[in-house]
Amino acid sequence: MGQSLTEIAQSLIDANKKVQLIYAFNGTGKTRLSREFRLLVAPKDIESDQEAEDESGIKVIYYNAFTEDLFFWDNDLDADTNRKLIIRPNNFTDFALEFLKDQGLDNNIVTNFQYYTNNSITPLFNEEYITQDDNGNDIVVQAYSEVTFSISSGDDRSLPNIKISKAEESNFIWCVFYSLLEEAIETLNETDETNRSSNKFNHLEYVFIDDPVSSLDDNHLIELAVNISRLIKNSRSELKFIITTHNPLFYNVISNELNNNIPNPLYIIGEQNIGVKKWIYHSDNSIKYRFVKFADGNFSLDTLGRKTPFSYHLQLLREIQKAKNNPILIKKFHFNFIRNVLEKTATFLGYTNWEKLLPIVNGEPDPFANRILNLSSHSAHAGDEIGEVQENDIDKLIELVNYLESNYKFSELIEQNETV
């Protein structure tokens, strides 16, 4: 039976896991889920339309579409020269930018932004200044409320006040959040509150990240996934993370990273008897879900096995191995599965033809394996064709799977991704 978004959000709180990774298609409701989650952790004061942060301080920081909406462009349409990104004041931006300014961390934002975009583009936060409104009244523009961008040219000069692309803008906003997150984790890793560089994060409980920078190319997206995972796994405090995404590559990289444990070196050298934890991070600290929306408007959050195959080709590999281990299950469609995997593998390895991955017989790719894979995948036989497989074809499939496992290590890949 389906649940409401509020019930789903409450289940994330009740799970009490270090990391919760959620995959969902676009349009499922990931952003609304992040909103519901935040409202449960830090309810809004309806009268002031602000988060009701009491004396306990900030409890949750989040990155989602609402975060991006806090940044908007003044394109200076009249003069077309003074283009700047305006930062709308609210609890998050006031807190984040004040902290980053006080700690002198604007350089961290610049460094992260240039790493994921272009090192010739430089963002610059404004200093406080006074301007006038249409009636001639003075207006104080707060420091760190505007950002301008310049680009370096080949002759050591720069072009000021450029308009960056929407993808670069998303990257910049993410880097503001990511720089704050880096500092939060490092600060909370100090167990003695009196020794922390700031008390701003003392009561921070949750970090919710919804689809970070989906405009990145695959290389940078992988780097981002690895960096986020590394940051989370090195968090020593009780801080908890919820990450949602619609991107299979981003999901798979983070999922794999979360399966790698980090031992505590203090435990290894013999200090386990003084209360030192054996693991800085263990894969049991994470849980993975599939977030689904039903036609009636309700939702479900389905738990995935810690190493459940997520990519289609891994699912095919697992099904092929199941059939190989129990030959009575082998059907004609399993040959189609093998061809699908071979085609993807050939593309990955740079072969023009998947047949080149087959065993070599008399200097040529195995003709029998080639023929049966082609017939099973693209047969033009009549509609009464049966799905059963002859005994010698079953033997060939098992032989072929054994060959692929031995030569391309598919068996290890399946074992690493099997459901546990």
Protein backbone atom coordinates (compact mmCIF):
# COMPACT_ATOMS: atom_id res chain seq x y z
CA MET A 1 0.00 0.00 0.00
CA GLY A 2 1.26 3.46 -0.89
CA GLN A 3 2.30 6.14 1.56
CA SER A 4 2.18 9.91 1.62
CA LEU A 5 5.32 12.00 1.18
CA THR A 6 5.17 12.90 4.87
CA GLU A 7 5.11 9.21 5.81
CA ILE A 8 8.03 8.49 3.47
CA ALA A 9 9.98 11.38 4.99
CA GLN A 10 9.26 10.10 8.50
CA SER A 11 10.51 6.63 7.52
CA LEU A 12 13.82 8.20 6.46
CA ILE A 13 14.13 9.75 9.91
CA ASP A 14 13.17 6.49 11.63
CA ALA A 15 15.70 4.45 9.61
CA ASN A 16 18.51 5.94 11.70
CA LYS A 17 21.21 5.21 9.07
CA LYS A 18 24.38 7.17 8.37
CA VAL A 19 23.60 7.31 4.64
CA GLN A 20 20.38 6.74 2.72
CA LEU A 21 20.70 6.66 -1.06
CA ILE A 22 17.54 6.96 -3.14
CA TYR A 23 17.01 6.44 -6.87
CA ALA A 24 13.89 7.77 -8.59
CA PHE A 25 12.87 8.87 -12.05
CA ASN A 26 12.46 12.56 -12.74
CA GLY A 27 8.99 13.75 -11.78
CA THR A 28 8.58 11.22 -8.97
CA GLY A 29 8.75 13.83 -6.23
CA LYS A 30 12.34 13.89 -4.95
CA THR A 31 12.34 17.66 -4.44
CA ARG A 32 8.99 17.59 -2.64
CA LEU A 33 10.30 14.74 -0.49
CA SER A 34 13.29 16.84 0.53
CA ARG A 35 10.90 19.64 1.45
CA GLU A 36 8.70 17.33 3.56
CA PHE A 37 11.77 15.93 5.26
CA ARG A 38 13.06 19.37 6.14
CA LEU A 39 9.68 20.45 7.52
CA LEU A 40 9.61 17.41 9.81
CA VAL A 41 13.12 18.06 11.11
CA ALA A 42 12.83 21.86 11.29
CA PRO A 43 9.20 23.05 11.02
CA LYS A 44 8.47 26.51 9.67
CA ASP A 45 7.16 29.39 11.72
CA ILE A 46 3.98 30.15 9.74
CA GLU A 47 3.82 33.78 10.87
CA SER A 48 7.36 34.66 9.81
CA ASP A 49 7.60 32.11 6.96
CA GLN A 50 11.01 31.19 8.33
CA GLU A 51 12.40 27.96 9.70
CA ALA A 52 11.66 27.82 13.40
CA GLU A 53 15.24 27.37 14.56
CA ASP A 54 15.15 27.60 18.32
CA GLU A 55 18.05 27.80 20.72
CA SER A 56 19.21 24.37 19.55
CA GLY A 57 20.39 25.94 16.29
CA ILE A 58 20.30 24.67 12.72
CA LYS A 59 19.27 21.01 12.42
CA VAL A 60 19.27 20.34 8.66
CA ILE A 61 20.93 21.76 5.58
CA TYR A 62 19.71 20.75 2.15
CA TYR A 63 20.44 21.19 -1.52
CA ASN A 64 17.54 21.01 -3.98
CA ALA A 65 15.63 23.06 -6.55
CA PHE A 66 14.57 25.48 -3.82
CA THR A 67 18.24 26.14 -3.08
CA GLU A 68 18.87 27.07 -6.72
CA ASP A 69 15.87 29.41 -6.69
CA LEU A 70 17.61 31.51 -4.05
CA PHE A 71 20.04 32.68 -6.74
CA PHE A 72 18.78 34.83 -9.65
CA TRP A 73 20.29 37.13 -12.29
CA ASP A 74 20.26 40.91 -12.61
CA ASN A 75 21.25 41.17 -16.27
CA ASP A 76 21.44 44.99 -16.26
CA LEU A 77 19.18 45.20 -19.30
CA ASP A 78 19.58 48.99 -19.56
CA ALA A 79 23.38 49.27 -19.70
CA ASP A 80 24.11 45.59 -20.45
CA THR A 81 27.38 45.80 -18.52
CA ASN A 82 26.88 45.15 -14.80
CA ARG A 83 25.55 41.59 -14.82
CA LYS A 84 25.47 39.91 -11.43
CA LEU A 85 24.00 36.91 -9.65
CA ILE A 86 21.81 38.05 -6.76
CA ILE A 87 21.53 35.90 -3.64
CA ARG A 88 18.07 36.07 -2.12
CA PRO A 89 18.20 36.33 1.69
CA ASN A 90 16.67 33.51 3.71
CA ASN A 91 17.72 31.36 6.67
CA PHE A 92 19.97 29.12 4.59
CA THR A 93 21.77 31.79 2.54
CA ASP A 94 22.11 34.10 5.54
CA PHE A 95 23.62 31.30 7.60
CA ALA A 96 25.78 29.81 4.85
CA LEU A 97 27.25 33.02 3.48
CA GLU A 98 27.81 34.57 6.90
CA PHE A 99 29.69 31.47 8.00
CA LEU A 100 31.74 31.22 4.81
CA LYS A 101 32.56 34.92 5.01
CA ASP A 102 33.53 34.78 8.70
CA GLN A 103 35.75 31.77 8.06
CA GLY A 104 37.26 33.31 4.90
CA LEU A 105 36.14 30.37 2.81
CA ASP A 106 35.12 32.15 -0.37
CA ASN A 107 38.34 30.85 -1.91
CA ASN A 108 37.08 27.31 -1.29
CA ILE A 109 33.97 28.10 -3.32
CA VAL A 110 36.08 29.53 -6.14
CA THR A 111 38.41 26.52 -6.12
CA ASN A 112 35.55 24.00 -6.19
CA PHE A 113 33.72 25.94 -8.90
CA GLN A 114 36.77 26.17 -11.17
CA TYR A 115 37.51 22.47 -10.62
CA TYR A 116 34.11 21.38 -11.91
CA THR A 117 33.75 24.01 -14.65
CA ASN A 118 36.54 26.16 -16.06
CA ASN A 119 39.57 27.53 -14.26
CA SER A 120 39.47 30.71 -16.37
CA ILE A 121 36.11 31.77 -14.88
CA THR A 122 36.40 33.48 -11.51
CA PRO A 123 33.43 34.32 -9.23
CA LEU A 124 33.77 37.35 -6.95
CA PHE A 125 31.55 38.14 -3.97
CA ASN A 126 30.68 41.78 -3.38
CA GLU A 127 31.74 43.95 -0.48
CA GLU A 128 29.11 45.99 1.34
CA TYR A 129 28.17 49.16 -0.57
CA ILE A 130 25.47 51.83 -0.68
CA THR A 131 23.22 52.49 -3.68
CA GLN A 132 20.00 54.41 -4.19
CA ASP A 133 16.49 53.43 -5.10
CA ASP A 134 14.29 55.19 -7.67
CA ASN A 135 13.33 57.81 -5.08
CA GLY A 136 16.91 58.66 -4.20
CA ASN A 137 16.89 56.85 -0.87
CA ASP A 138 20.07 55.14 0.26
CA ILE A 139 20.06 51.36 0.27
CA VAL A 140 22.76 49.30 1.97
CA VAL A 141 23.69 46.24 -0.08
CA GLN A 142 25.06 43.63 2.26
CA ALA A 143 28.40 41.96 1.60
CA TYR A 144 28.20 38.47 0.04
CA SER A 145 24.74 39.15 -1.40
CA GLU A 146 25.89 39.45 -5.03
CA VAL A 147 28.33 37.56 -7.24
CA THR A 148 29.99 38.73 -10.44
CA PHE A 149 31.98 36.56 -12.81
CA SER A 150 35.02 37.36 -14.91
CA ILE A 151 36.86 35.31 -17.49
CA SER A 152 40.59 35.40 -18.14
CA SER A 153 41.69 35.98 -21.73
CA GLY A 154 44.88 34.76 -23.36
CA ASP A 155 46.67 38.10 -22.90
CA ASP A 156 46.42 38.08 -19.10
CA ARG A 157 43.44 40.41 -19.16
CA SER A 158 39.96 39.56 -17.96
CA LEU A 159 36.45 40.23 -19.17
CA PRO A 160 34.39 41.41 -16.16
CA ASN A 161 30.70 40.95 -15.46
CA ILE A 162 30.14 38.08 -17.85
CA LYS A 163 26.92 36.04 -17.89
CA ILE A 164 27.70 32.39 -17.21
CA SER A 165 25.68 29.48 -18.58
CA LYS A 166 22.83 27.82 -16.69
CA ALA A 167 25.01 24.73 -16.13
CA GLU A 168 27.84 26.87 -14.72
CA GLU A 169 25.33 28.69 -12.52
CA SER A 170 24.10 25.36 -11.10
CA ASN A 171 27.70 24.37 -10.48
CA PHE A 172 28.37 27.58 -8.59
CA ILE A 173 25.32 27.17 -6.36
CA TRP A 174 26.32 23.59 -5.64
CA CYS A 175 29.85 24.71 -4.74
CA VAL A 176 28.47 27.17 -2.18
CA PHE A 177 26.60 24.30 -0.56
CA TYR A 178 29.48 21.83 -0.91
CA SER A 179 31.98 24.24 0.65
CA LEU A 180 29.63 24.69 3.59
CA LEU A 181 29.22 20.92 3.88
CA GLU A 182 33.00 20.38 3.91
CA GLU A 183 33.33 22.78 6.82
CA ALA A 184 30.38 21.31 8.69
CA ILE A 185 31.83 17.80 8.55
CA GLU A 186 35.33 18.92 9.49
CA THR A 187 33.97 21.00 12.37
CA LEU A 188 31.80 18.21 13.75
CA ASN A 189 34.66 15.71 13.53
CA GLU A 190 36.08 17.50 16.55
CA THR A 191 34.35 15.70 19.41
CA ASP A 192 35.15 18.37 22.00
CA GLU A 193 32.73 21.21 21.30
CA THR A 194 34.95 23.69 23.10
CA ASN A 195 37.75 23.02 20.61
CA ARG A 196 35.64 23.51 17.47
CA SER A 197 36.39 26.43 15.20
CA SER A 198 32.69 27.32 15.22
CA ASN A 199 29.59 26.38 17.22
CA LYS A 200 27.27 26.93 14.22
CA PHE A 201 26.94 23.21 13.50
CA ASN A 202 26.72 21.87 17.04
CA HIS A 203 23.13 20.70 16.58
CA LEU A 204 23.19 19.84 12.89
CA GLU A 205 21.58 16.41 12.43
CA TYR A 206 20.85 15.93 8.72
CA VAL A 207 22.13 16.78 5.27
CA PHE A 208 19.70 16.27 2.37
CA ILE A 209 21.17 16.36 -1.16
CA ASP A 210 18.76 16.17 -4.08
CA ASP A 211 20.26 15.60 -7.56
CA PRO A 212 23.48 17.61 -7.25
CA VAL A 213 24.64 19.23 -10.50
CA SER A 214 23.08 16.90 -13.03
CA SER A 215 24.45 19.17 -15.78
CA LEU A 216 27.99 17.82 -15.28
CA ASP A 217 29.60 15.65 -17.94
CA ASP A 218 30.14 12.00 -17.03
CA ASN A 219 33.77 12.44 -15.95
CA HIS A 220 33.00 15.27 -13.55
CA LEU A 221 29.83 13.53 -12.36
CA ILE A 222 31.89 10.48 -11.38
CA GLU A 223 34.40 12.70 -9.60
CA LEU A 224 31.59 14.46 -7.77
CA ALA A 225 30.05 11.15 -6.69
CA VAL A 226 33.43 9.91 -5.41
CA ASN A 227 34.11 13.19 -3.59
CA ILE A 228 30.70 13.23 -1.91
CA SER A 229 31.14 9.60 -0.84
CA ARG A 230 34.61 10.25 0.53
CA LEU A 231 33.36 13.27 2.45
CA ILE A 232 30.48 11.32 3.97
CA LYS A 233 32.59 8.29 4.85
CA ASN A 234 35.09 10.45 6.69
CA SER A 235 32.39 12.06 8.81
CA ARG A 236 33.09 10.92 12.39
CA SER A 237 30.06 12.57 13.98
CA GLU A 238 26.43 11.41 14.17
CA LEU A 239 25.54 13.52 11.13
CA LYS A 240 23.19 11.67 8.74
CA PHE A 241 22.92 12.02 4.96
CA ILE A 242 20.06 11.50 2.50
CA ILE A 243 20.98 11.60 -1.20
CA THR A 244 18.45 11.37 -4.03
CA THR A 245 19.12 11.20 -7.76
CA HIS A 246 17.61 10.28 -11.12
CA ASN A 247 21.01 9.69 -12.70
CA PRO A 248 21.94 5.96 -12.91
CA LEU A 249 25.68 6.68 -13.31
CA PHE A 250 25.76 8.95 -10.26
CA TYR A 251 23.74 6.41 -8.27
CA ASN A 252 25.95 3.47 -9.23
CA VAL A 253 29.21 5.27 -8.43
CA ILE A 254 28.01 6.40 -5.00
CA SER A 255 26.48 2.97 -4.35
CA ASN A 256 29.79 1.25 -5.10
CA GLU A 257 31.72 3.76 -3.00
CA LEU A 258 29.41 3.20 -0.04
CA ASN A 259 30.18 -0.52 -0.20
CA ASN A 260 33.87 0.14 0.58
CA ASN A 261 34.69 0.08 4.29
CA ILE A 262 37.21 2.33 6.04
CA PRO A 263 38.99 0.66 8.99
CA ASN A 264 40.08 2.69 11.98
CA PRO A 265 43.91 2.58 12.17
CA LEU A 266 43.78 3.09 15.95
CA TYR A 267 41.85 -0.16 16.27
CA ILE A 268 44.32 -2.01 14.06
CA ILE A 269 47.33 -1.03 16.16
CA GLY A 270 45.77 -2.47 19.30
CA GLU A 271 43.74 0.27 20.95
CA GLN A 272 40.42 -1.56 20.56
CA ASN A 273 40.20 -2.08 24.31
CA ILE A 274 39.80 1.62 25.06
CA GLY A 275 36.53 2.07 23.18
CA VAL A 276 37.92 2.81 19.73
CA LYS A 277 35.52 1.82 16.96
CA LYS A 278 36.78 -0.82 14.55
CA TRP A 279 35.45 1.07 11.54
CA ILE A 280 35.51 4.74 10.62
CA TYR A 281 32.87 3.79 8.05
CA HIS A 282 31.21 0.43 7.36
CA SER A 283 28.86 -0.43 4.51
CA ASP A 284 26.21 -1.46 7.05
CA ASN A 285 25.91 2.26 7.82
CA SER A 286 24.14 2.81 4.48
CA ILE A 287 20.81 1.76 2.98
CA LYS A 288 19.57 2.09 -0.60
CA TYR A 289 16.08 2.61 -1.95
CA ARG A 290 13.99 2.89 -5.06
CA PHE A 291 11.45 5.75 -4.71
CA VAL A 292 8.25 5.15 -6.69
CA LYS A 293 5.13 7.23 -7.35
CA PHE A 294 1.77 5.52 -7.94
CA ALA A 295 -1.10 6.67 -10.14
CA ASP A 296 -3.22 7.50 -7.08
CA GLY A 297 -0.65 10.05 -5.88
CA ASN A 298 0.83 7.87 -3.15
CA PHE A 299 4.43 6.69 -2.98
CA SER A 300 6.59 3.78 -1.92
CA LEU A 301 10.18 3.56 -0.77
CA ASP A 302 11.44 0.09 -1.70
CA THR A 303 14.61 -1.13 -0.01
CA LEU A 304 17.27 -2.49 -2.35
CA GLY A 305 19.82 -5.12 -1.35
CA ARG A 306 23.13 -3.66 -0.27
CA LYS A 307 24.72 -4.99 -3.47
CA THR A 308 21.66 -5.36 -5.67
CA PRO A 309 22.57 -4.99 -9.37
CA PHE A 310 21.29 -1.64 -10.54
CA SER A 311 22.58 -1.33 -14.08
CA TYR A 312 20.67 -3.35 -16.66
CA HIS A 313 23.72 -5.32 -17.82
CA LEU A 314 24.44 -6.43 -14.23
CA GLN A 315 20.89 -7.72 -13.92
CA LEU A 316 21.35 -9.64 -17.16
CA LEU A 317 24.62 -11.10 -15.92
CA ARG A 318 23.00 -12.29 -12.72
CA GLU A 319 20.13 -13.94 -14.62
CA ILE A 320 22.59 -15.65 -16.96
CA GLN A 321 24.60 -17.05 -14.06
CA LYS A 322 21.44 -18.30 -12.34
CA ALA A 323 20.53 -20.21 -15.50
CA LYS A 324 24.04 -21.60 -15.92
CA ASN A 325 24.02 -22.93 -12.37
CA ASN A 326 20.64 -24.60 -12.96
CA PRO A 327 20.56 -25.64 -16.65
CA ILE A 328 16.92 -26.68 -16.52
CA LEU A 329 16.11 -22.94 -16.37
CA ILE A 330 17.95 -22.13 -19.61
CA LYS A 331 15.65 -20.73 -22.30
CA LYS A 332 16.25 -19.17 -25.69
CA PHE A 333 16.03 -15.64 -24.27
CA HIS A 334 19.19 -16.28 -22.22
CA PHE A 335 21.17 -16.24 -25.49
CA ASN A 336 19.67 -12.83 -26.16
CA PHE A 337 20.85 -11.74 -22.70
CA ILE A 338 24.40 -12.87 -23.52
CA ARG A 339 24.42 -11.01 -26.82
CA ASN A 340 23.17 -7.84 -25.09
CA VAL A 341 26.01 -8.06 -22.55
CA LEU A 342 28.55 -8.76 -25.31
CA GLU A 343 27.38 -5.73 -27.30
CA LYS A 344 27.76 -3.44 -24.28
CA THR A 345 31.14 -4.94 -23.43
CA ALA A 346 32.39 -4.56 -27.00
CA THR A 347 31.36 -0.90 -27.00
CA PHE A 348 33.15 -0.35 -23.69
CA LEU A 349 36.34 -2.06 -24.91
CA GLY A 350 36.31 -0.29 -28.28
CA TYR A 351 35.56 -3.28 -30.54
CA THR A 352 33.53 -2.63 -33.67
CA ASN A 353 31.93 -6.11 -33.52
CA TRP A 354 30.81 -8.01 -30.45
CA GLU A 355 31.77 -11.28 -32.17
CA LYS A 356 35.43 -10.49 -31.48
CA LEU A 357 34.79 -11.26 -27.81
CA LEU A 358 33.85 -14.86 -28.56
CA PRO A 359 36.25 -17.81 -28.15
CA ILE A 360 38.59 -18.25 -31.13
CA VAL A 361 38.19 -21.48 -33.09
CA ASN A 362 40.61 -22.09 -35.99
CA GLY A 363 41.58 -18.43 -36.00
CA GLU A 364 37.98 -17.14 -36.12
CA PRO A 365 35.30 -16.27 -33.52
CA ASP A 366 33.47 -19.49 -32.59
CA PRO A 367 31.04 -19.95 -35.53
CA PHE A 368 28.58 -22.09 -33.57
CA ALA A 369 28.33 -19.56 -30.71
CA ASN A 370 28.07 -16.75 -33.26
CA ARG A 371 25.29 -18.51 -35.15
CA ILE A 372 23.20 -19.47 -32.12
CA LEU A 373 23.44 -15.97 -30.61
CA ASN A 374 22.33 -14.43 -33.90
CA LEU A 375 19.48 -16.90 -34.41
CA SER A 376 18.22 -16.49 -30.87
CA SER A 377 18.30 -12.70 -31.07
CA HIS A 378 17.12 -11.98 -34.61
CA SER A 379 15.28 -15.07 -35.81
CA ALA A 380 12.87 -14.66 -38.71
CA HIS A 381 11.16 -17.98 -38.08
CA ALA A 382 7.39 -18.39 -37.99
CA GLY A 383 5.30 -17.34 -35.00
CA ASP A 384 5.05 -20.90 -33.63
CA GLU A 385 8.76 -20.96 -32.76
CA ILE A 386 9.32 -22.56 -29.35
CA GLY A 387 11.31 -21.13 -26.46
CA GLU A 388 12.91 -24.38 -25.41
CA VAL A 389 16.61 -25.02 -26.05
CA GLN A 390 18.23 -28.21 -27.33
CA GLU A 391 20.72 -30.02 -25.13
CA ASN A 392 23.77 -29.21 -27.25
CA ASP A 393 22.71 -25.54 -27.28
CA ILE A 394 22.50 -25.62 -23.49
CA ASP A 395 26.02 -27.05 -23.36
CA LYS A 396 27.21 -24.27 -25.66
CA LEU A 397 25.63 -21.58 -23.49
CA ILE A 398 27.31 -22.96 -20.35
CA GLU A 399 30.63 -23.21 -22.20
CA LEU A 400 30.26 -19.65 -23.45
CA VAL A 401 29.36 -18.24 -20.03
CA ASN A 402 32.35 -20.03 -18.46
CA TYR A 403 34.59 -18.54 -21.13
CA LEU A 404 33.27 -15.02 -20.55
CA GLU A 405 33.60 -15.36 -16.77
CA SER A 406 37.17 -16.59 -17.09
CA ASN A 407 38.36 -14.06 -19.67
CA TYR A 408 36.42 -10.94 -18.71
CA LYS A 409 35.96 -11.54 -14.96
CA PHE A 410 32.16 -11.29 -15.23
CA SER A 411 31.72 -13.80 -12.40
CA GLU A 412 33.58 -11.48 -10.02
CA LEU A 413 31.40 -8.57 -11.12
CA ILE A 414 28.23 -10.55 -10.50
CA GLU A 415 29.46 -11.76 -7.11
CA GLN A 416 30.27 -8.21 -6.03
CA ASN A 417 26.81 -7.00 -6.99
CA GLU A 418 24.61 -9.89 -5.90
CA THR A 419 21.78 -9.28 -3.49
CA VAL A 420 22.67 -9.87 0.11
